[in-house]
Amino acid sequence: ASYRVADSVVNIISPLMPYFPLILAF
């Protein structure tokens, strides 16, 4: 549960997240 909290919150600010370029294209 602790891992899931930490894993989620950084996704949206990491340029290395696989979907980050797609969101930027949108």
PDB file of all heavy atoms in Angstrom:
ATOM      1  N   ALA A   1       0.835  -1.208   0.000  1.00  0.00           N
ATOM      2  CA  ALA A   1       0.000   0.000   0.000  1.00  0.00           C
ATOM      3  C   ALA A   1       0.868   1.256   0.000  1.00  0.00           C
ATOM      4  O   ALA A   1       0.575   2.230  -0.713  1.00  0.00           O
ATOM      5  CB  ALA A   1      -0.931  -0.008   1.218  1.00  0.00           C
ATOM      6  N   SER A   2       1.932   1.248   0.785  1.00  0.00           N
ATOM      7  CA  SER A   2       2.837   2.403   0.833  1.00  0.00           C
ATOM      8  C   SER A   2       3.503   2.605  -0.519  1.00  0.00           C
ATOM      9  O   SER A   2       3.662   3.740  -0.990  1.00  0.00           O
ATOM     10  CB  SER A   2       3.903   2.189   1.914  1.00  0.00           C
ATOM     11  OG  SER A   2       3.309   1.978   3.187  1.00  0.00           O
ATOM     12  N   TYR A   3       3.894   1.500  -1.130  1.00  0.00           N
ATOM     13  CA  TYR A   3       4.502   1.586  -2.468  1.00  0.00           C
ATOM     14  C   TYR A   3       3.540   2.218  -3.468  1.00  0.00           C
ATOM     15  O   TYR A   3       3.940   3.073  -4.275  1.00  0.00           O
ATOM     16  CB  TYR A   3       4.898   0.191  -2.947  1.00  0.00           C
ATOM     17  CG  TYR A   3       5.295   0.165  -4.409  1.00  0.00           C
ATOM     18  CD1 TYR A   3       6.561   0.563  -4.803  1.00  0.00           C
ATOM     19  CD2 TYR A   3       4.386  -0.215  -5.396  1.00  0.00           C
ATOM     20  CE1 TYR A   3       6.926   0.577  -6.143  1.00  0.00           C
ATOM     21  CE2 TYR A   3       4.743  -0.210  -6.728  1.00  0.00           C
ATOM     22  CZ  TYR A   3       6.003   0.190  -7.102  1.00  0.00           C
ATOM     23  OH  TYR A   3       6.346   0.209  -8.421  1.00  0.00           O
ATOM     24  N   ARG A   4       2.283   1.818  -3.423  1.00  0.00           N
ATOM     25  CA  ARG A   4       1.308   2.312  -4.401  1.00  0.00           C
ATOM     26  C   ARG A   4       1.074   3.814  -4.258  1.00  0.00           C
ATOM     27  O   ARG A   4       0.853   4.513  -5.252  1.00  0.00           O
ATOM     28  CB  ARG A   4       0.001   1.530  -4.262  1.00  0.00           C
ATOM     29  CG  ARG A   4       0.161   0.050  -4.551  1.00  0.00           C
ATOM     30  CD  ARG A   4      -1.123  -0.714  -4.432  1.00  0.00           C
ATOM     31  NE  ARG A   4      -2.007  -0.425  -5.559  1.00  0.00           N
ATOM     32  CZ  ARG A   4      -3.131  -1.099  -5.809  1.00  0.00           C
ATOM     33  NH1 ARG A   4      -3.490  -2.103  -5.014  1.00  0.00           N
ATOM     34  NH2 ARG A   4      -3.877  -0.784  -6.841  1.00  0.00           N
ATOM     35  N   VAL A   5       1.092   4.296  -3.027  1.00  0.00           N
ATOM     36  CA  VAL A   5       0.954   5.737  -2.809  1.00  0.00           C
ATOM     37  C   VAL A   5       2.119   6.479  -3.467  1.00  0.00           C
ATOM     38  O   VAL A   5       1.923   7.434  -4.229  1.00  0.00           O
ATOM     39  CB  VAL A   5       0.908   6.054  -1.295  1.00  0.00           C
ATOM     40  CG1 VAL A   5       0.999   7.565  -1.068  1.00  0.00           C
ATOM     41  CG2 VAL A   5      -0.374   5.507  -0.670  1.00  0.00           C
ATOM     42  N   ALA A   6       3.341   6.034  -3.177  1.00  0.00           N
ATOM     43  CA  ALA A   6       4.524   6.723  -3.697  1.00  0.00           C
ATOM     44  C   ALA A   6       4.612   6.619  -5.211  1.00  0.00           C
ATOM     45  O   ALA A   6       4.976   7.589  -5.892  1.00  0.00           O
ATOM     46  CB  ALA A   6       5.781   6.143  -3.050  1.00  0.00           C
ATOM     47  N   ASP A   7       4.288   5.452  -5.753  1.00  0.00           N
ATOM     48  CA  ASP A   7       4.400   5.246  -7.199  1.00  0.00           C
ATOM     49  C   ASP A   7       3.456   6.156  -7.976  1.00  0.00           C
ATOM     50  O   ASP A   7       3.785   6.616  -9.061  1.00  0.00           O
ATOM     51  CB  ASP A   7       4.101   3.782  -7.528  1.00  0.00           C
ATOM     52  CG  ASP A   7       4.038   3.533  -9.020  1.00  0.00           C
ATOM     53  OD1 ASP A   7       5.075   3.703  -9.692  1.00  0.00           O
ATOM     54  OD2 ASP A   7       2.949   3.188  -9.522  1.00  0.00           O
ATOM     55  N   SER A   8       2.295   6.429  -7.412  1.00  0.00           N
ATOM     56  CA  SER A   8       1.268   7.186  -8.147  1.00  0.00           C
ATOM     57  C   SER A   8       1.579   8.667  -8.257  1.00  0.00           C
ATOM     58  O   SER A   8       1.423   9.267  -9.331  1.00  0.00           O
ATOM     59  CB  SER A   8      -0.095   7.002  -7.464  1.00  0.00           C
ATOM     60  OG  SER A   8      -0.498   5.653  -7.471  1.00  0.00           O
ATOM     61  N   VAL A   9       2.019   9.268  -7.155  1.00  0.00           N
ATOM     62  CA  VAL A   9       2.038  10.731  -7.097  1.00  0.00           C
ATOM     63  C   VAL A   9       3.122  11.361  -7.965  1.00  0.00           C
ATOM     64  O   VAL A   9       3.018  12.541  -8.322  1.00  0.00           O
ATOM     65  CB  VAL A   9       2.193  11.210  -5.635  1.00  0.00           C
ATOM     66  CG1 VAL A   9       1.011  10.749  -4.801  1.00  0.00           C
ATOM     67  CG2 VAL A   9       3.499  10.701  -5.022  1.00  0.00           C
ATOM     68  N   VAL A  10       4.165  10.599  -8.311  1.00  0.00           N
ATOM     69  CA  VAL A  10       5.255  11.175  -9.111  1.00  0.00           C
ATOM     70  C   VAL A  10       5.007  11.012 -10.605  1.00  0.00           C
ATOM     71  O   VAL A  10       5.597  11.724 -11.425  1.00  0.00           O
ATOM     72  CB  VAL A  10       6.608  10.538  -8.709  1.00  0.00           C
ATOM     73  CG1 VAL A  10       7.768  11.120  -9.514  1.00  0.00           C
ATOM     74  CG2 VAL A  10       6.873  10.742  -7.227  1.00  0.00           C
ATOM     75  N   ASN A  11       4.111  10.092 -10.972  1.00  0.00           N
ATOM     76  CA  ASN A  11       3.846   9.830 -12.397  1.00  0.00           C
ATOM     77  C   ASN A  11       3.592  11.103 -13.201  1.00  0.00           C
ATOM     78  O   ASN A  11       4.072  11.269 -14.320  1.00  0.00           O
ATOM     79  CB  ASN A  11       2.638   8.900 -12.547  1.00  0.00           C
ATOM     80  CG  ASN A  11       2.959   7.471 -12.175  1.00  0.00           C
ATOM     81  OD1 ASN A  11       4.111   7.060 -12.211  1.00  0.00           O
ATOM     82  ND2 ASN A  11       1.945   6.706 -11.815  1.00  0.00           N
ATOM     83  N   ILE A  12       2.795  11.986 -12.619  1.00  0.00           N
ATOM     84  CA  ILE A  12       2.304  13.137 -13.378  1.00  0.00           C
ATOM     85  C   ILE A  12       3.341  14.243 -13.554  1.00  0.00           C
ATOM     86  O   ILE A  12       3.102  15.204 -14.304  1.00  0.00           O
ATOM     87  CB  ILE A  12       1.028  13.723 -12.730  1.00  0.00           C
ATOM     88  CG1 ILE A  12       1.251  13.972 -11.235  1.00  0.00           C
ATOM     89  CG2 ILE A  12      -0.145  12.798 -12.962  1.00  0.00           C
ATOM     90  CD1 ILE A  12       0.048  14.566 -10.530  1.00  0.00           C
ATOM     91  N   ILE A  13       4.486  14.126 -12.871  1.00  0.00           N
ATOM     92  CA  ILE A  13       5.510  15.169 -13.043  1.00  0.00           C
ATOM     93  C   ILE A  13       6.815  14.595 -13.586  1.00  0.00           C
ATOM     94  O   ILE A  13       7.819  15.311 -13.663  1.00  0.00           O
ATOM     95  CB  ILE A  13       5.799  15.916 -11.718  1.00  0.00           C
ATOM     96  CG1 ILE A  13       6.284  14.948 -10.636  1.00  0.00           C
ATOM     97  CG2 ILE A  13       4.566  16.684 -11.258  1.00  0.00           C
ATOM     98  CD1 ILE A  13       6.785  15.641  -9.385  1.00  0.00           C
ATOM     99  N   SER A  14       6.798  13.324 -13.978  1.00  0.00           N
ATOM    100  CA  SER A  14       8.016  12.716 -14.511  1.00  0.00           C
ATOM    101  C   SER A  14       7.992  12.724 -16.040  1.00  0.00           C
ATOM    102  O   SER A  14       7.130  12.089 -16.651  1.00  0.00           O
ATOM    103  CB  SER A  14       8.159  11.276 -14.014  1.00  0.00           C
ATOM    104  OG  SER A  14       9.233  10.633 -14.666  1.00  0.00           O
ATOM    105  N   PRO A  15       8.914  13.418 -16.680  1.00  0.00           N
ATOM    106  CA  PRO A  15       8.958  13.415 -18.147  1.00  0.00           C
ATOM    107  C   PRO A  15       9.233  12.032 -18.720  1.00  0.00           C
ATOM    108  O   PRO A  15       9.025  11.803 -19.908  1.00  0.00           O
ATOM    109  CB  PRO A  15      10.118  14.373 -18.469  1.00  0.00           C
ATOM    110  CG  PRO A  15      10.346  15.160 -17.228  1.00  0.00           C
ATOM    111  CD  PRO A  15       9.957  14.269 -16.089  1.00  0.00           C
ATOM    112  N   LEU A  16       9.714  11.116 -17.876  1.00  0.00           N
ATOM    113  CA  LEU A  16      10.042   9.770 -18.335  1.00  0.00           C
ATOM    114  C   LEU A  16       8.854   8.827 -18.263  1.00  0.00           C
ATOM    115  O   LEU A  16       8.963   7.671 -18.670  1.00  0.00           O
ATOM    116  CB  LEU A  16      11.199   9.202 -17.510  1.00  0.00           C
ATOM    117  CG  LEU A  16      12.456  10.084 -17.488  1.00  0.00           C
ATOM    118  CD1 LEU A  16      13.513   9.462 -16.599  1.00  0.00           C
ATOM    119  CD2 LEU A  16      12.986  10.276 -18.887  1.00  0.00           C
ATOM    120  N   MET A  17       7.726   9.293 -17.713  1.00  0.00           N
ATOM    121  CA  MET A  17       6.520   8.470 -17.711  1.00  0.00           C
ATOM    122  C   MET A  17       6.109   8.214 -19.163  1.00  0.00           C
ATOM    123  O   MET A  17       6.060   9.148 -19.965  1.00  0.00           O
ATOM    124  CB  MET A  17       5.401   9.206 -16.974  1.00  0.00           C
ATOM    125  CG  MET A  17       4.306   8.285 -16.459  1.00  0.00           C
ATOM    126  SD  MET A  17       2.976   8.021 -17.642  1.00  0.00           S
ATOM    127  CE  MET A  17       2.148   9.593 -17.577  1.00  0.00           C
ATOM    128  N   PRO A  18       5.856   6.956 -19.558  1.00  0.00           N
ATOM    129  CA  PRO A  18       5.653   6.628 -20.981  1.00  0.00           C
ATOM    130  C   PRO A  18       4.601   7.476 -21.688  1.00  0.00           C
ATOM    131  O   PRO A  18       4.739   7.751 -22.886  1.00  0.00           O
ATOM    132  CB  PRO A  18       5.228   5.151 -20.934  1.00  0.00           C
ATOM    133  CG  PRO A  18       5.852   4.624 -19.684  1.00  0.00           C
ATOM    134  CD  PRO A  18       5.828   5.759 -18.712  1.00  0.00           C
ATOM    135  N   TYR A  19       3.570   7.900 -20.981  1.00  0.00           N
ATOM    136  CA  TYR A  19       2.495   8.650 -21.634  1.00  0.00           C
ATOM    137  C   TYR A  19       2.696  10.162 -21.565  1.00  0.00           C
ATOM    138  O   TYR A  19       1.867  10.915 -22.075  1.00  0.00           O
ATOM    139  CB  TYR A  19       1.147   8.284 -21.004  1.00  0.00           C
ATOM    140  CG  TYR A  19       0.714   6.880 -21.332  1.00  0.00           C
ATOM    141  CD1 TYR A  19       0.890   5.845 -20.427  1.00  0.00           C
ATOM    142  CD2 TYR A  19       0.139   6.584 -22.559  1.00  0.00           C
ATOM    143  CE1 TYR A  19       0.517   4.550 -20.734  1.00  0.00           C
ATOM    144  CE2 TYR A  19      -0.246   5.295 -22.875  1.00  0.00           C
ATOM    145  CZ  TYR A  19      -0.058   4.288 -21.959  1.00  0.00           C
ATOM    146  OH  TYR A  19      -0.432   3.004 -22.270  1.00  0.00           O
ATOM    147  N   PHE A  20       3.769  10.602 -20.932  1.00  0.00           N
ATOM    148  CA  PHE A  20       3.991  12.048 -20.794  1.00  0.00           C
ATOM    149  C   PHE A  20       4.055  12.751 -22.150  1.00  0.00           C
ATOM    150  O   PHE A  20       3.412  13.799 -22.334  1.00  0.00           O
ATOM    151  CB  PHE A  20       5.265  12.299 -19.988  1.00  0.00           C
ATOM    152  CG  PHE A  20       5.321  13.647 -19.341  1.00  0.00           C
ATOM    153  CD1 PHE A  20       4.844  13.844 -18.056  1.00  0.00           C
ATOM    154  CD2 PHE A  20       5.847  14.740 -20.019  1.00  0.00           C
ATOM    155  CE1 PHE A  20       4.894  15.096 -17.460  1.00  0.00           C
ATOM    156  CE2 PHE A  20       5.897  15.986 -19.444  1.00  0.00           C
ATOM    157  CZ  PHE A  20       5.422  16.166 -18.145  1.00  0.00           C
ATOM    158  N   PRO A  21       4.799  12.216 -23.133  1.00  0.00           N
ATOM    159  CA  PRO A  21       4.811  12.881 -24.449  1.00  0.00           C
ATOM    160  C   PRO A  21       3.432  12.935 -25.103  1.00  0.00           C
ATOM    161  O   PRO A  21       3.106  13.914 -25.798  1.00  0.00           O
ATOM    162  CB  PRO A  21       5.769  12.008 -25.272  1.00  0.00           C
ATOM    163  CG  PRO A  21       6.622  11.311 -24.272  1.00  0.00           C
ATOM    164  CD  PRO A  21       5.725  11.057 -23.100  1.00  0.00           C
ATOM    165  N   LEU A  22       2.614  11.899 -24.879  1.00  0.00           N
ATOM    166  CA  LEU A  22       1.268  11.897 -25.454  1.00  0.00           C
ATOM    167  C   LEU A  22       0.414  13.004 -24.838  1.00  0.00           C
ATOM    168  O   LEU A  22      -0.308  13.718 -25.549  1.00  0.00           O
ATOM    169  CB  LEU A  22       0.612  10.534 -25.218  1.00  0.00           C
ATOM    170  CG  LEU A  22      -0.835  10.395 -25.705  1.00  0.00           C
ATOM    171  CD1 LEU A  22      -0.911  10.522 -27.217  1.00  0.00           C
ATOM    172  CD2 LEU A  22      -1.421   9.063 -25.245  1.00  0.00           C
ATOM    173  N   ILE A  23       0.497  13.157 -23.516  1.00  0.00           N
ATOM    174  CA  ILE A  23      -0.279  14.206 -22.838  1.00  0.00           C
ATOM    175  C   ILE A  23       0.172  15.583 -23.325  1.00  0.00           C
ATOM    176  O   ILE A  23      -0.641  16.495 -23.532  1.00  0.00           O
ATOM    177  CB  ILE A  23      -0.115  14.099 -21.312  1.00  0.00           C
ATOM    178  CG1 ILE A  23      -0.409  12.687 -20.834  1.00  0.00           C
ATOM    179  CG2 ILE A  23      -1.022  15.107 -20.613  1.00  0.00           C
ATOM    180  CD1 ILE A  23      -1.752  12.149 -21.254  1.00  0.00           C
ATOM    181  N   LEU A  24       1.483  15.730 -23.535  1.00  0.00           N
ATOM    182  CA  LEU A  24       2.006  17.007 -24.040  1.00  0.00           C
ATOM    183  C   LEU A  24       1.484  17.276 -25.452  1.00  0.00           C
ATOM    184  O   LEU A  24       1.161  18.424 -25.796  1.00  0.00           O
ATOM    185  CB  LEU A  24       3.533  16.982 -24.031  1.00  0.00           C
ATOM    186  CG  LEU A  24       4.239  18.277 -24.430  1.00  0.00           C
ATOM    187  CD1 LEU A  24       3.813  19.432 -23.535  1.00  0.00           C
ATOM    188  CD2 LEU A  24       5.751  18.100 -24.370  1.00  0.00           C
ATOM    189  N   ALA A  25       1.357  16.230 -26.254  1.00  0.00           N
ATOM    190  CA  ALA A  25       0.810  16.392 -27.605  1.00  0.00           C
ATOM    191  C   ALA A  25      -0.648  16.847 -27.547  1.00  0.00           C
ATOM    192  O   ALA A  25      -1.077  17.695 -28.347  1.00  0.00           O
ATOM    193  CB  ALA A  25       0.920  15.076 -28.372  1.00  0.00           C
ATOM    194  N   PHE A  26      -1.409  16.299 -26.616  1.00  0.00           N
ATOM    195  CA  PHE A  26      -2.797  16.746 -26.437  1.00  0.00           C
ATOM    196  C   PHE A  26      -2.828  18.225 -26.047  1.00  0.00           C
ATOM    197  O   PHE A  26      -3.673  18.996 -26.535  1.00  0.00           O
ATOM    198  CB  PHE A  26      -3.499  15.917 -25.357  1.00  0.00           C
ATOM    199  CG  PHE A  26      -3.745  14.485 -25.735  1.00  0.00           C
ATOM    200  CD1 PHE A  26      -3.714  13.481 -24.770  1.00  0.00           C
ATOM    201  CD2 PHE A  26      -4.023  14.131 -27.051  1.00  0.00           C
ATOM    202  CE1 PHE A  26      -3.951  12.150 -25.116  1.00  0.00           C
ATOM    203  CE2 PHE A  26      -4.258  12.806 -27.402  1.00  0.00           C
ATOM    204  CZ  PHE A  26      -4.228  11.824 -26.432  1.00  0.00           C
TER     205      PHE A  26
END
